[in-house]
C-alpha atoms as a PDB file:
ATOM      1  CA  MET A   1       0.222  79.059   1.423  1.00  0.00           C
ATOM      2  CA  ARG A   2      -2.892  81.411   1.780  1.00  0.00           C
ATOM      3  CA  PRO A   3      -1.847  84.565   3.958  1.00  0.00           C
ATOM      4  CA  LEU A   4      -4.189  84.589   7.006  1.00  0.00           C
ATOM      5  CA  PRO A   5      -3.810  86.714  10.313  1.00  0.00           C
ATOM      6  CA  ILE A   6      -1.541  85.200  12.774  1.00  0.00           C
ATOM      7  CA  LYS A   7      -2.222  84.638  16.326  1.00  0.00           C
ATOM      8  CA  ASP A   8       0.193  84.572  19.397  1.00  0.00           C
ATOM      9  CA  ALA A   9       0.815  80.933  20.677  1.00  0.00           C
ATOM     10  CA  SER A  10       0.824  82.287  24.095  1.00  0.00           C
ATOM     11  CA  THR A  11      -2.706  83.670  23.866  1.00  0.00           C
ATOM     12  CA  HIS A  12      -4.602  81.301  26.420  1.00  0.00           C
ATOM     13  CA  PRO A  13      -6.394  81.599  29.390  1.00  0.00           C
ATOM     14  CA  PRO A  14      -4.574  81.805  32.648  1.00  0.00           C
ATOM     15  CA  LEU A  15      -4.087  78.281  34.307  1.00  0.00           C
ATOM     16  CA  GLU A  16      -6.040  78.968  37.345  1.00  0.00           C
ATOM     17  CA  LYS A  17      -9.139  80.171  35.066  1.00  0.00           C
ATOM     18  CA  THR A  18      -8.793  76.800  32.948  1.00  0.00           C
ATOM     19  CA  GLU A  19      -8.460  74.811  36.139  1.00  0.00           C
ATOM     20  CA  ILE A  20     -11.664  76.152  37.418  1.00  0.00           C
ATOM     21  CA  GLN A  21     -13.238  75.273  33.874  1.00  0.00           C
ATOM     22  CA  VAL A  22     -12.084  71.822  33.810  1.00  0.00           C
ATOM     23  CA  ALA A  23     -13.304  71.284  37.528  1.00  0.00           C
ATOM     24  CA  HIS A  24     -16.833  72.294  36.567  1.00  0.00           C
ATOM     25  CA  ARG A  25     -17.034  69.506  33.693  1.00  0.00           C
ATOM     26  CA  PRO A  26     -18.585  65.951  34.637  1.00  0.00           C
ATOM     27  CA  ILE A  27     -16.037  63.463  35.767  1.00  0.00           C
ATOM     28  CA  ALA A  28     -16.913  61.003  32.986  1.00  0.00           C
ATOM     29  CA  ALA A  29     -15.738  63.937  30.424  1.00  0.00           C
ATOM     30  CA  ARG A  30     -12.499  64.817  32.279  1.00  0.00           C
ATOM     31  CA  LEU A  31     -11.616  61.136  32.333  1.00  0.00           C
ATOM     32  CA  ARG A  32     -12.310  60.904  28.634  1.00  0.00           C
ATOM     33  CA  ALA A  33     -10.063  63.985  27.920  1.00  0.00           C
ATOM     34  CA  HIS A  34      -7.357  62.413  30.116  1.00  0.00           C
ATOM     35  CA  TYR A  35      -7.742  59.024  28.126  1.00  0.00           C
ATOM     36  CA  LYS A  36      -7.531  60.799  25.031  1.00  0.00           C
ATOM     37  CA  ILE A  37      -4.111  62.744  25.564  1.00  0.00           C
ATOM     38  CA  ALA A  38      -2.551  59.406  26.280  1.00  0.00           C
ATOM     39  CA  ARG A  39      -3.436  58.468  22.353  1.00  0.00           C
ATOM     40  CA  ILE A  40      -3.906  54.950  23.027  1.00  0.00           C
ATOM     41  CA  ASP A  41      -4.940  54.607  19.129  1.00  0.00           C
ATOM     42  CA  HIS A  42      -1.367  55.555  18.388  1.00  0.00           C
ATOM     43  CA  SER A  43      -0.469  52.103  19.620  1.00  0.00           C
ATOM     44  CA  ILE A  44      -0.438  51.027  16.051  1.00  0.00           C
ATOM     45  CA  LYS A  45       3.040  52.421  16.038  1.00  0.00           C
ATOM     46  CA  ASN A  46       4.019  49.324  18.052  1.00  0.00           C
ATOM     47  CA  VAL A  47       4.264  47.735  14.505  1.00  0.00           C
ATOM     48  CA  PHE A  48       7.814  49.284  14.488  1.00  0.00           C
ATOM     49  CA  VAL A  49       8.752  46.993  17.116  1.00  0.00           C
ATOM     50  CA  LEU A  50       7.992  43.925  15.306  1.00  0.00           C
ATOM     51  CA  PRO A  51      11.282  43.693  12.809  1.00  0.00           C
ATOM     52  CA  GLY A  52      13.255  43.943  16.115  1.00  0.00           C
ATOM     53  CA  ILE A  53      11.367  40.755  17.086  1.00  0.00           C
ATOM     54  CA  LEU A  54      11.517  39.028  13.749  1.00  0.00           C
ATOM     55  CA  VAL A  55      15.217  39.327  13.021  1.00  0.00           C
ATOM     56  CA  PRO A  56      16.602  37.741  16.307  1.00  0.00           C
ATOM     57  CA  LEU A  57      13.893  34.956  15.814  1.00  0.00           C
ATOM     58  CA  SER A  58      15.062  34.301  12.254  1.00  0.00           C
ATOM     59  CA  ILE A  59      18.571  33.758  13.758  1.00  0.00           C
ATOM     60  CA  LEU A  60      17.864  32.004  17.077  1.00  0.00           C
ATOM     61  CA  ARG A  61      14.586  30.009  15.679  1.00  0.00           C
ATOM     62  CA  PRO A  62      13.674  29.036  19.361  1.00  0.00           C
ATOM     63  CA  GLY A  63      10.228  27.432  18.392  1.00  0.00           C
ATOM     64  CA  PHE A  64       7.337  27.850  20.780  1.00  0.00           C
ATOM     65  CA  ASP A  65       8.340  29.147  24.037  1.00  0.00           C
ATOM     66  CA  ARG A  66       5.960  30.380  26.747  1.00  0.00           C
ATOM     67  CA  GLY A  67       8.594  32.660  28.476  1.00  0.00           C
ATOM     68  CA  LEU A  68       9.272  34.242  25.146  1.00  0.00           C
ATOM     69  CA  MET A  69       5.482  34.950  24.607  1.00  0.00           C
ATOM     70  CA  ILE A  70       5.113  36.410  28.147  1.00  0.00           C
ATOM     71  CA  ARG A  71       8.252  38.539  27.667  1.00  0.00           C
ATOM     72  CA  ILE A  72       6.757  39.789  24.228  1.00  0.00           C
ATOM     73  CA  ALA A  73       3.310  40.597  25.812  1.00  0.00           C
ATOM     74  CA  THR A  74       4.991  42.397  28.654  1.00  0.00           C
ATOM     75  CA  GLY A  75       7.353  44.145  26.451  1.00  0.00           C
ATOM     76  CA  LEU A  76       4.512  45.533  24.197  1.00  0.00           C
ATOM     77  CA  VAL A  77       2.363  46.603  27.054  1.00  0.00           C
ATOM     78  CA  SER A  78       5.521  48.464  28.620  1.00  0.00           C
ATOM     79  CA  THR A  79       6.492  49.989  25.345  1.00  0.00           C
ATOM     80  CA  THR A  80       2.978  51.191  24.903  1.00  0.00           C
ATOM     81  CA  LEU A  81       2.903  52.852  28.429  1.00  0.00           C
ATOM     82  CA  ILE A  82       6.101  54.654  27.878  1.00  0.00           C
ATOM     83  CA  ALA A  83       4.969  55.958  24.464  1.00  0.00           C
ATOM     84  CA  CYS A  84       1.722  57.131  26.048  1.00  0.00           C
ATOM     85  CA  SER A  85       3.364  58.936  28.770  1.00  0.00           C
ATOM     86  CA  ASN A  86       5.644  60.699  26.043  1.00  0.00           C
ATOM     87  CA  TYR A  87       2.102  61.595  24.442  1.00  0.00           C
ATOM     88  CA  VAL A  88       0.728  63.098  27.595  1.00  0.00           C
ATOM     89  CA  ILE A  89       3.735  65.585  28.069  1.00  0.00           C
ATOM     90  CA  ASN A  90       3.502  66.295  24.222  1.00  0.00           C
ATOM     91  CA  GLU A  91      -0.073  67.176  24.651  1.00  0.00           C
ATOM     92  CA  VAL A  92       0.387  69.570  27.818  1.00  0.00           C
ATOM     93  CA  LEU A  93       3.318  71.358  26.499  1.00  0.00           C
ATOM     94  CA  ASP A  94       2.176  71.866  22.902  1.00  0.00           C
ATOM     95  CA  ALA A  95      -1.393  73.029  23.825  1.00  0.00           C
ATOM     96  CA  PRO A  96      -0.911  76.900  23.105  1.00  0.00           C
ATOM     97  CA  PHE A  97       0.663  75.659  19.686  1.00  0.00           C
ATOM     98  CA  ASP A  98      -1.889  73.295  18.734  1.00  0.00           C
ATOM     99  CA  ARG A  99      -4.595  76.278  19.056  1.00  0.00           C
ATOM    100  CA  LEU A 100      -2.886  77.560  15.727  1.00  0.00           C
ATOM    101  CA  HIS A 101      -3.244  74.224  13.938  1.00  0.00           C
ATOM    102  CA  PRO A 102      -6.431  73.844  11.937  1.00  0.00           C
ATOM    103  CA  ILE A 103      -6.796  70.164  13.259  1.00  0.00           C
ATOM    104  CA  LYS A 104      -4.607  69.934  16.295  1.00  0.00           C
ATOM    105  CA  LYS A 105      -6.913  72.948  17.953  1.00  0.00           C
ATOM    106  CA  ASN A 106      -9.504  70.117  18.572  1.00  0.00           C
ATOM    107  CA  ARG A 107      -7.195  68.350  20.916  1.00  0.00           C
ATOM    108  CA  PRO A 108      -8.569  67.995  24.448  1.00  0.00           C
ATOM    109  CA  THR A 109      -5.758  70.080  26.181  1.00  0.00           C
ATOM    110  CA  ALA A 110      -5.823  72.753  23.576  1.00  0.00           C
ATOM    111  CA  GLN A 111      -9.522  72.943  24.177  1.00  0.00           C
ATOM    112  CA  HIS A 112      -8.905  73.390  28.178  1.00  0.00           C
ATOM    113  CA  LEU A 113     -10.547  69.988  28.852  1.00  0.00           C
ATOM    114  CA  VAL A 114      -7.678  68.577  30.883  1.00  0.00           C
ATOM    115  CA  SER A 115      -6.588  69.327  34.224  1.00  0.00           C
ATOM    116  CA  ILE A 116      -2.849  70.153  33.738  1.00  0.00           C
ATOM    117  CA  PRO A 117      -1.615  68.962  37.183  1.00  0.00           C
ATOM    118  CA  TRP A 118      -3.216  65.859  36.819  1.00  0.00           C
ATOM    119  CA  ALA A 119      -1.836  65.430  33.409  1.00  0.00           C
ATOM    120  CA  TYR A 120       1.629  65.767  34.790  1.00  0.00           C
ATOM    121  CA  VAL A 121       0.667  62.894  37.539  1.00  0.00           C
ATOM    122  CA  GLN A 122      -0.568  60.768  34.553  1.00  0.00           C
ATOM    123  CA  TRP A 123       2.705  61.418  32.681  1.00  0.00           C
ATOM    124  CA  ILE A 124       4.927  60.193  35.597  1.00  0.00           C
ATOM    125  CA  SER A 125       2.651  57.366  36.542  1.00  0.00           C
ATOM    126  CA  MET A 126       2.443  55.562  33.018  1.00  0.00           C
ATOM    127  CA  MET A 127       6.256  56.255  32.875  1.00  0.00           C
ATOM    128  CA  LEU A 128       6.706  54.449  36.219  1.00  0.00           C
ATOM    129  CA  ALA A 129       4.318  51.667  35.335  1.00  0.00           C
ATOM    130  CA  GLY A 130       5.891  51.097  31.825  1.00  0.00           C
ATOM    131  CA  MET A 131       9.615  50.922  33.401  1.00  0.00           C
ATOM    132  CA  ALA A 132       8.173  48.478  36.204  1.00  0.00           C
ATOM    133  CA  LEU A 133       7.067  46.089  33.425  1.00  0.00           C
ATOM    134  CA  ALA A 134      10.346  46.758  31.522  1.00  0.00           C
ATOM    135  CA  LEU A 135      12.421  45.647  34.435  1.00  0.00           C
ATOM    136  CA  THR A 136      10.698  42.104  34.213  1.00  0.00           C
ATOM    137  CA  VAL A 137      11.720  41.736  30.576  1.00  0.00           C
ATOM    138  CA  SER A 138      15.314  42.197  30.960  1.00  0.00           C
ATOM    139  CA  ARG A 139      17.699  44.804  31.857  1.00  0.00           C
ATOM    140  CA  PRO A 140      18.832  45.815  28.296  1.00  0.00           C
ATOM    141  CA  PHE A 141      15.180  46.017  27.398  1.00  0.00           C
ATOM    142  CA  ALA A 142      14.809  48.355  30.354  1.00  0.00           C
ATOM    143  CA  TYR A 143      17.596  50.566  29.195  1.00  0.00           C
ATOM    144  CA  ALA A 144      15.920  50.730  25.826  1.00  0.00           C
ATOM    145  CA  ALA A 145      12.764  51.856  27.372  1.00  0.00           C
ATOM    146  CA  ALA A 146      14.277  54.451  29.481  1.00  0.00           C
ATOM    147  CA  GLY A 147      15.755  55.849  26.368  1.00  0.00           C
ATOM    148  CA  LEU A 148      12.401  55.941  24.657  1.00  0.00           C
ATOM    149  CA  TRP A 149      11.235  58.018  27.466  1.00  0.00           C
ATOM    150  CA  MET A 150      14.028  60.198  27.860  1.00  0.00           C
ATOM    151  CA  MET A 151      13.984  61.086  24.083  1.00  0.00           C
ATOM    152  CA  GLY A 152      10.232  62.131  24.608  1.00  0.00           C
ATOM    153  CA  CYS A 153      11.305  64.459  27.142  1.00  0.00           C
ATOM    154  CA  LEU A 154      14.336  66.055  25.117  1.00  0.00           C
ATOM    155  CA  TYR A 155      11.799  66.315  22.242  1.00  0.00           C
ATOM    156  CA  ASN A 156       9.365  68.108  24.166  1.00  0.00           C
ATOM    157  CA  ILE A 157      10.545  69.793  27.455  1.00  0.00           C
ATOM    158  CA  PRO A 158      12.444  73.148  27.350  1.00  0.00           C
ATOM    159  CA  PRO A 159      15.222  74.034  27.272  1.00  0.00           C
ATOM    160  CA  PHE A 160      15.827  71.213  24.883  1.00  0.00           C
ATOM    161  CA  ARG A 161      12.759  70.914  23.196  1.00  0.00           C
ATOM    162  CA  PHE A 162      14.545  69.372  19.956  1.00  0.00           C
ATOM    163  CA  LYS A 163      11.054  69.639  18.267  1.00  0.00           C
ATOM    164  CA  GLU A 164      11.666  73.334  17.584  1.00  0.00           C
ATOM    165  CA  VAL A 165      14.930  72.906  15.801  1.00  0.00           C
ATOM    166  CA  ALA A 166      14.904  72.113  12.104  1.00  0.00           C
ATOM    167  CA  TYR A 167      16.344  69.002  11.107  1.00  0.00           C
ATOM    168  CA  LEU A 168      17.291  67.989  14.600  1.00  0.00           C
ATOM    169  CA  ASP A 169      13.327  67.605  15.164  1.00  0.00           C
ATOM    170  CA  VAL A 170      13.073  64.881  12.450  1.00  0.00           C
ATOM    171  CA  LEU A 171      16.160  63.143  13.716  1.00  0.00           C
ATOM    172  CA  ALA A 172      15.367  63.241  17.208  1.00  0.00           C
ATOM    173  CA  GLU A 173      11.583  62.108  16.696  1.00  0.00           C
ATOM    174  CA  SER A 174      12.747  59.389  14.377  1.00  0.00           C
ATOM    175  CA  ILE A 175      15.379  57.825  16.702  1.00  0.00           C
ATOM    176  CA  ASN A 176      12.555  56.127  18.339  1.00  0.00           C
ATOM    177  CA  ASN A 177      12.510  53.779  15.291  1.00  0.00           C
ATOM    178  CA  PRO A 178      15.702  52.053  16.296  1.00  0.00           C
ATOM    179  CA  LEU A 179      14.697  52.319  19.992  1.00  0.00           C
ATOM    180  CA  ARG A 180      11.510  50.338  19.085  1.00  0.00           C
ATOM    181  CA  MET A 181      13.698  47.817  17.314  1.00  0.00           C
ATOM    182  CA  LEU A 182      15.823  47.476  20.300  1.00  0.00           C
ATOM    183  CA  LEU A 183      12.873  46.931  22.505  1.00  0.00           C
ATOM    184  CA  GLY A 184      11.737  44.172  20.161  1.00  0.00           C
ATOM    185  CA  TRP A 185      14.921  42.800  20.047  1.00  0.00           C
ATOM    186  CA  PHE A 186      15.632  42.420  23.722  1.00  0.00           C
ATOM    187  CA  MET A 187      12.149  41.050  24.186  1.00  0.00           C
ATOM    188  CA  VAL A 188      13.688  37.983  22.075  1.00  0.00           C
ATOM    189  CA  THR A 189      17.204  38.103  23.425  1.00  0.00           C
ATOM    190  CA  ALA A 190      19.450  39.969  25.852  1.00  0.00           C
ATOM    191  CA  VAL A 191      22.556  38.482  24.372  1.00  0.00           C
ATOM    192  CA  LEU A 192      22.713  39.042  20.564  1.00  0.00           C
ATOM    193  CA  ILE A 193      23.361  42.741  19.658  1.00  0.00           C
ATOM    194  CA  PRO A 194      21.537  44.117  16.686  1.00  0.00           C
ATOM    195  CA  PRO A 195      23.867  45.218  13.698  1.00  0.00           C
ATOM    196  CA  ALA A 196      24.388  48.891  13.521  1.00  0.00           C
ATOM    197  CA  SER A 197      23.775  49.016   9.854  1.00  0.00           C
ATOM    198  CA  LEU A 198      20.180  47.493  10.517  1.00  0.00           C
ATOM    199  CA  LEU A 199      19.639  50.118  13.234  1.00  0.00           C
ATOM    200  CA  LEU A 200      20.852  53.010  11.106  1.00  0.00           C
ATOM    201  CA  SER A 201      18.847  51.993   8.319  1.00  0.00           C
ATOM    202  CA  TYR A 202      15.724  51.814  10.458  1.00  0.00           C
ATOM    203  CA  TRP A 203      16.422  55.375  11.917  1.00  0.00           C
ATOM    204  CA  MET A 204      16.635  56.848   8.579  1.00  0.00           C
ATOM    205  CA  ILE A 205      13.621  55.272   7.267  1.00  0.00           C
ATOM    206  CA  GLY A 206      11.821  56.890  10.252  1.00  0.00           C
ATOM    207  CA  CYS A 207      13.296  60.196   9.264  1.00  0.00           C
ATOM    208  CA  PHE A 208      11.945  59.799   5.714  1.00  0.00           C
ATOM    209  CA  PHE A 209       8.421  59.115   7.133  1.00  0.00           C
ATOM    210  CA  MET A 210       8.859  62.087   9.543  1.00  0.00           C
ATOM    211  CA  ALA A 211      10.360  64.559   6.990  1.00  0.00           C
ATOM    212  CA  LEU A 212       7.174  63.779   4.857  1.00  0.00           C
ATOM    213  CA  LYS A 213       4.928  64.401   7.867  1.00  0.00           C
ATOM    214  CA  ARG A 214       6.395  67.864   8.273  1.00  0.00           C
ATOM    215  CA  PHE A 215       6.125  68.416   4.533  1.00  0.00           C
ATOM    216  CA  SER A 216       2.478  67.661   4.517  1.00  0.00           C
ATOM    217  CA  GLU A 217       2.030  69.854   7.555  1.00  0.00           C
ATOM    218  CA  TYR A 218       3.716  72.756   6.199  1.00  0.00           C
ATOM    219  CA  ARG A 219       1.704  72.428   2.904  1.00  0.00           C
ATOM    220  CA  ASP A 220      -1.499  72.504   4.798  1.00  0.00           C
ATOM    221  CA  LEU A 221      -1.050  75.545   7.046  1.00  0.00           C
ATOM    222  CA  GLU A 222      -2.358  78.882   5.882  1.00  0.00           C
ATOM    223  CA  SER A 223       0.547  81.128   5.707  1.00  0.00           C
ATOM    224  CA  GLU A 224       4.527  81.090   6.510  1.00  0.00           C
ATOM    225  CA  LEU A 225       3.640  83.189   9.435  1.00  0.00           C
ATOM    226  CA  VAL A 226       1.134  80.733  10.945  1.00  0.00           C
ATOM    227  CA  ALA A 227       3.514  77.818  10.237  1.00  0.00           C
ATOM    228  CA  GLY A 228       6.238  79.576  11.973  1.00  0.00           C
ATOM    229  CA  SER A 229       4.131  80.244  15.079  1.00  0.00           C
ATOM    230  CA  TYR A 230       2.846  76.778  15.213  1.00  0.00           C
ATOM    231  CA  ARG A 231       6.208  75.089  15.037  1.00  0.00           C
ATOM    232  CA  LYS A 232       9.367  77.033  15.272  1.00  0.00           C
ATOM    233  CA  SER A 233      11.254  74.718  13.057  1.00  0.00           C
ATOM    234  CA  PHE A 234       8.983  75.771  10.141  1.00  0.00           C
ATOM    235  CA  LYS A 235      10.734  79.289  10.186  1.00  0.00           C
ATOM    236  CA  THR A 236      13.666  77.413   8.857  1.00  0.00           C
ATOM    237  CA  TYR A 237      12.062  74.630   6.829  1.00  0.00           C
ATOM    238  CA  THR A 238      10.760  75.391   3.150  1.00  0.00           C
ATOM    239  CA  GLU A 239       8.819  72.998   0.781  1.00  0.00           C
ATOM    240  CA  ARG A 240      11.847  72.461  -1.195  1.00  0.00           C
ATOM    241  CA  SER A 241      14.437  71.850   1.751  1.00  0.00           C
ATOM    242  CA  LEU A 242      11.939  69.382   3.236  1.00  0.00           C
ATOM    243  CA  LEU A 243      11.663  67.393  -0.030  1.00  0.00           C
ATOM    244  CA  ARG A 244      15.794  67.714  -0.166  1.00  0.00           C
ATOM    245  CA  SER A 245      15.926  65.992   3.259  1.00  0.00           C
ATOM    246  CA  VAL A 246      13.378  63.450   2.131  1.00  0.00           C
ATOM    247  CA  LEU A 247      15.595  62.147  -0.593  1.00  0.00           C
ATOM    248  CA  PHE A 248      18.617  62.256   1.762  1.00  0.00           C
ATOM    249  CA  TYR A 249      16.841  60.075   4.273  1.00  0.00           C
ATOM    250  CA  ALA A 250      15.592  57.574   1.790  1.00  0.00           C
ATOM    251  CA  SER A 251      18.729  57.180   0.177  1.00  0.00           C
ATOM    252  CA  VAL A 252      20.879  56.736   3.276  1.00  0.00           C
ATOM    253  CA  SER A 253      18.396  54.379   4.560  1.00  0.00           C
ATOM    254  CA  MET A 254      18.540  52.019   1.611  1.00  0.00           C
ATOM    255  CA  LEU A 255      22.303  52.192   1.658  1.00  0.00           C
ATOM    256  CA  PHE A 256      22.320  50.845   5.372  1.00  0.00           C
ATOM    257  CA  PHE A 257      19.813  48.369   4.519  1.00  0.00           C
ATOM    258  CA  GLY A 258      21.745  47.063   1.485  1.00  0.00           C
ATOM    259  CA  THR A 259      24.847  46.861   3.889  1.00  0.00           C
ATOM    260  CA  PHE A 260      22.789  44.879   6.301  1.00  0.00           C
ATOM    261  CA  ILE A 261      21.422  42.522   3.202  1.00  0.00           C
ATOM    262  CA  MET A 262      24.918  41.904   1.874  1.00  0.00           C
ATOM    263  CA  ARG A 263      26.557  41.126   5.218  1.00  0.00           C
ATOM    264  CA  TYR A 264      23.650  38.978   7.031  1.00  0.00           C
ATOM    265  CA  ARG A 265      20.897  38.064   4.846  1.00  0.00           C
ATOM    266  CA  ILE A 266      21.164  38.247   1.140  1.00  0.00           C
ATOM    267  CA  GLU A 267      17.714  36.880   0.429  1.00  0.00           C
ATOM    268  CA  LEU A 268      16.270  40.186   1.586  1.00  0.00           C
ATOM    269  CA  ILE A 269      17.713  41.828  -1.553  1.00  0.00           C
ATOM    270  CA  LEU A 270      14.065  40.441  -3.110  1.00  0.00           C
ATOM    271  CA  SER A 271      12.352  42.590  -0.629  1.00  0.00           C
ATOM    272  CA  PHE A 272      13.586  45.752  -1.969  1.00  0.00           C
ATOM    273  CA  PRO A 273      11.225  46.570  -5.018  1.00  0.00           C
ATOM    274  CA  PHE A 274       8.444  45.903  -2.725  1.00  0.00           C
ATOM    275  CA  ILE A 275       9.779  48.264   0.008  1.00  0.00           C
ATOM    276  CA  ALA A 276      10.627  51.006  -2.605  1.00  0.00           C
ATOM    277  CA  VAL A 277       6.877  50.862  -4.078  1.00  0.00           C
ATOM    278  CA  MET A 278       5.530  51.337  -0.401  1.00  0.00           C
ATOM    279  CA  MET A 279       7.834  54.300   0.070  1.00  0.00           C
ATOM    280  CA  ALA A 280       6.755  55.768  -3.378  1.00  0.00           C
ATOM    281  CA  THR A 281       2.751  55.606  -2.337  1.00  0.00           C
ATOM    282  CA  TYR A 282       3.681  57.030   1.024  1.00  0.00           C
ATOM    283  CA  PHE A 283       5.427  59.870  -0.640  1.00  0.00           C
ATOM    284  CA  ASP A 284       2.686  60.674  -2.805  1.00  0.00           C
ATOM    285  CA  LEU A 285       0.322  60.663  -0.105  1.00  0.00           C
ATOM    286  CA  ALA A 286       2.247  63.471   1.571  1.00  0.00           C
ATOM    287  CA  PHE A 287       1.025  65.882  -1.274  1.00  0.00           C
ATOM    288  CA  ARG A 288      -2.896  65.438  -0.416  1.00  0.00           C
ATOM    289  CA  SER A 289      -4.529  67.960   1.734  1.00  0.00           C
ATOM    290  CA  ASN A 290      -5.062  66.935   5.429  1.00  0.00           C
ATOM    291  CA  SER A 291      -3.042  63.634   4.330  1.00  0.00           C
ATOM    292  CA  ALA A 292      -3.050  60.561   6.464  1.00  0.00           C
ATOM    293  CA  VAL A 293       0.740  61.006   6.531  1.00  0.00           C
ATOM    294  CA  GLN A 294       0.167  63.781   9.224  1.00  0.00           C
ATOM    295  CA  HIS A 295      -1.983  61.382  11.069  1.00  0.00           C
ATOM    296  CA  PRO A 296      -0.055  58.006  11.219  1.00  0.00           C
ATOM    297  CA  GLU A 297      -2.790  56.482  13.305  1.00  0.00           C
ATOM    298  CA  LYS A 298      -5.176  56.915  10.293  1.00  0.00           C
ATOM    299  CA  LEU A 299      -2.872  55.254   7.780  1.00  0.00           C
ATOM    300  CA  TYR A 300      -5.095  52.079   7.976  1.00  0.00           C
ATOM    301  CA  LYS A 301      -7.582  53.938   5.975  1.00  0.00           C
ATOM    302  CA  GLN A 302      -5.170  54.122   2.902  1.00  0.00           C
ATOM    303  CA  ARG A 303      -6.212  50.739   1.199  1.00  0.00           C
ATOM    304  CA  LEU A 304      -3.408  50.582  -1.355  1.00  0.00           C
ATOM    305  CA  LEU A 305      -0.814  51.610   1.247  1.00  0.00           C
ATOM    306  CA  MET A 306      -2.117  49.084   3.526  1.00  0.00           C
ATOM    307  CA  ALA A 307      -2.035  46.207   0.825  1.00  0.00           C
ATOM    308  CA  GLU A 308       1.427  47.201  -0.109  1.00  0.00           C
ATOM    309  CA  THR A 309       2.668  47.266   3.384  1.00  0.00           C
ATOM    310  CA  ALA A 310       1.049  43.875   4.055  1.00  0.00           C
ATOM    311  CA  VAL A 311       2.676  42.300   0.887  1.00  0.00           C
ATOM    312  CA  THR A 312       5.872  43.694   1.696  1.00  0.00           C
ATOM    313  CA  ALA A 313       5.764  42.352   5.428  1.00  0.00           C
ATOM    314  CA  VAL A 314       4.779  38.876   4.143  1.00  0.00           C
ATOM    315  CA  VAL A 315       7.723  38.838   1.441  1.00  0.00           C
ATOM    316  CA  ILE A 316      10.152  40.067   4.349  1.00  0.00           C
ATOM    317  CA  VAL A 317       9.023  37.401   6.786  1.00  0.00           C
ATOM    318  CA  ILE A 318       9.421  34.591   4.018  1.00  0.00           C
ATOM    319  CA  LEU A 319      12.929  35.789   3.183  1.00  0.00           C
ATOM    320  CA  LEU A 320      13.856  35.881   6.721  1.00  0.00           C
ATOM    321  CA  PHE A 321      13.115  32.349   7.422  1.00  0.00           C
ATOM    322  CA  VAL A 322      13.542  30.734   3.892  1.00  0.00           C
ATOM    323  CA  ASP A 323      17.018  30.197   2.517  1.00  0.00           C
ATOM    324  CA  LEU A 324      17.715  30.783  -1.151  1.00  0.00           C
ATOM    325  CA  PRO A 325      21.371  29.674  -1.951  1.00  0.00           C
ATOM    326  CA  TRP A 326      20.900  30.612  -5.812  1.00  0.00           C
ATOM    327  CA  ILE A 327      20.797  34.363  -4.563  1.00  0.00           C
ATOM    328  CA  ALA A 328      24.020  34.167  -3.036  1.00  0.00           C
ATOM    329  CA  ARG A 329      25.717  32.627  -5.989  1.00  0.00           C
ATOM    330  CA  ILE A 330      24.291  35.521  -8.190  1.00  0.00           C
ATOM    331  CA  PHE A 331      25.903  38.093  -5.963  1.00  0.00           C
ATOM    332  CA  ALA A 332      29.031  36.228  -5.377  1.00  0.00           C
ATOM    333  CA  PRO A 333      32.094  38.467  -5.858  1.00  0.00           C
ATOM    334  CA  THR A 334      33.574  38.364  -9.473  1.00  0.00           C
ATOM    335  CA  LEU A 335      36.350  40.680  -8.766  1.00  0.00           C
ATOM    336  CA  PRO A 336      39.612  40.232  -6.703  1.00  0.00           C
ATOM    337  CA  LEU A 337      38.983  41.576  -3.193  1.00  0.00           C
ATOM    338  CA  ALA A 338      41.115  44.612  -2.078  1.00  0.00           C
ATOM    339  CA  ALA A 339      44.027  43.769   0.268  1.00  0.00           C
ATOM    340  CA  ARG A 340      43.615  44.505   3.781  1.00  0.00           C
END
């Protein structure tokens, strides 16, 4: 890191002054700013809902069902609204810190382009709309949606503000992964319960991605002082500790994924090499300056990663729906089982 002068994150114009500045902007510009803070482009993260849809479908195999299609469509819109509500409160509360970041300083709220009172209205309105739709899907889906919104509050809002605590920030943000899996799962069925091994694996793979995002951000900030002022957890982290945590999360994720495979779907063992290659490519991306790892909504521009992801997804879908008995025979126990 290159040492540069540090600013105070609290150095920003008073609320009254910024509201006057916002009021004098054209209505179209204000609406555009409020649209941007909802981060609709981040809806690509709804891809994490898909495994939660596919796994129960591979078990139930209901065929085409118009009611199912409606539930999935409604559920995806509900999930998007809840996630956008969380992004809005993130933008509002992070604005003073975003002004210290070389890229995030250009966000609308950091540039005083957003009316803060109306942003709070936007935050609550999107949550209410999302929850209203969630209740039409199923009660378990609504509980998962409420959990996703509550985690956004705990992550961003004082006095909790989990994002400022090293390691807890990664764990709290990444728990959105199993919550999204539950949302996808409960779009399909409100009866079957997803295995704990699958949820834990999904949580830890999210931690793997998030810890690499933190690592990439930390490397790109000009100095340790700037890093600590932009994100309080960076006062504890180092590049070495972040990489150590990345290794831990990857190992635990694959441990639980293996547990799920051996107990429920042995065919998925063939997908592991594809997943490992994809994870290795993602790991490599984190070392690049201003990496797409810091901006997941831009990962689609990484052609190699997208190709690997597409191939991995196709392999997993095939292995979920095609039975291969010979794999079970290969991995059948050859030693006496321990007495229980």
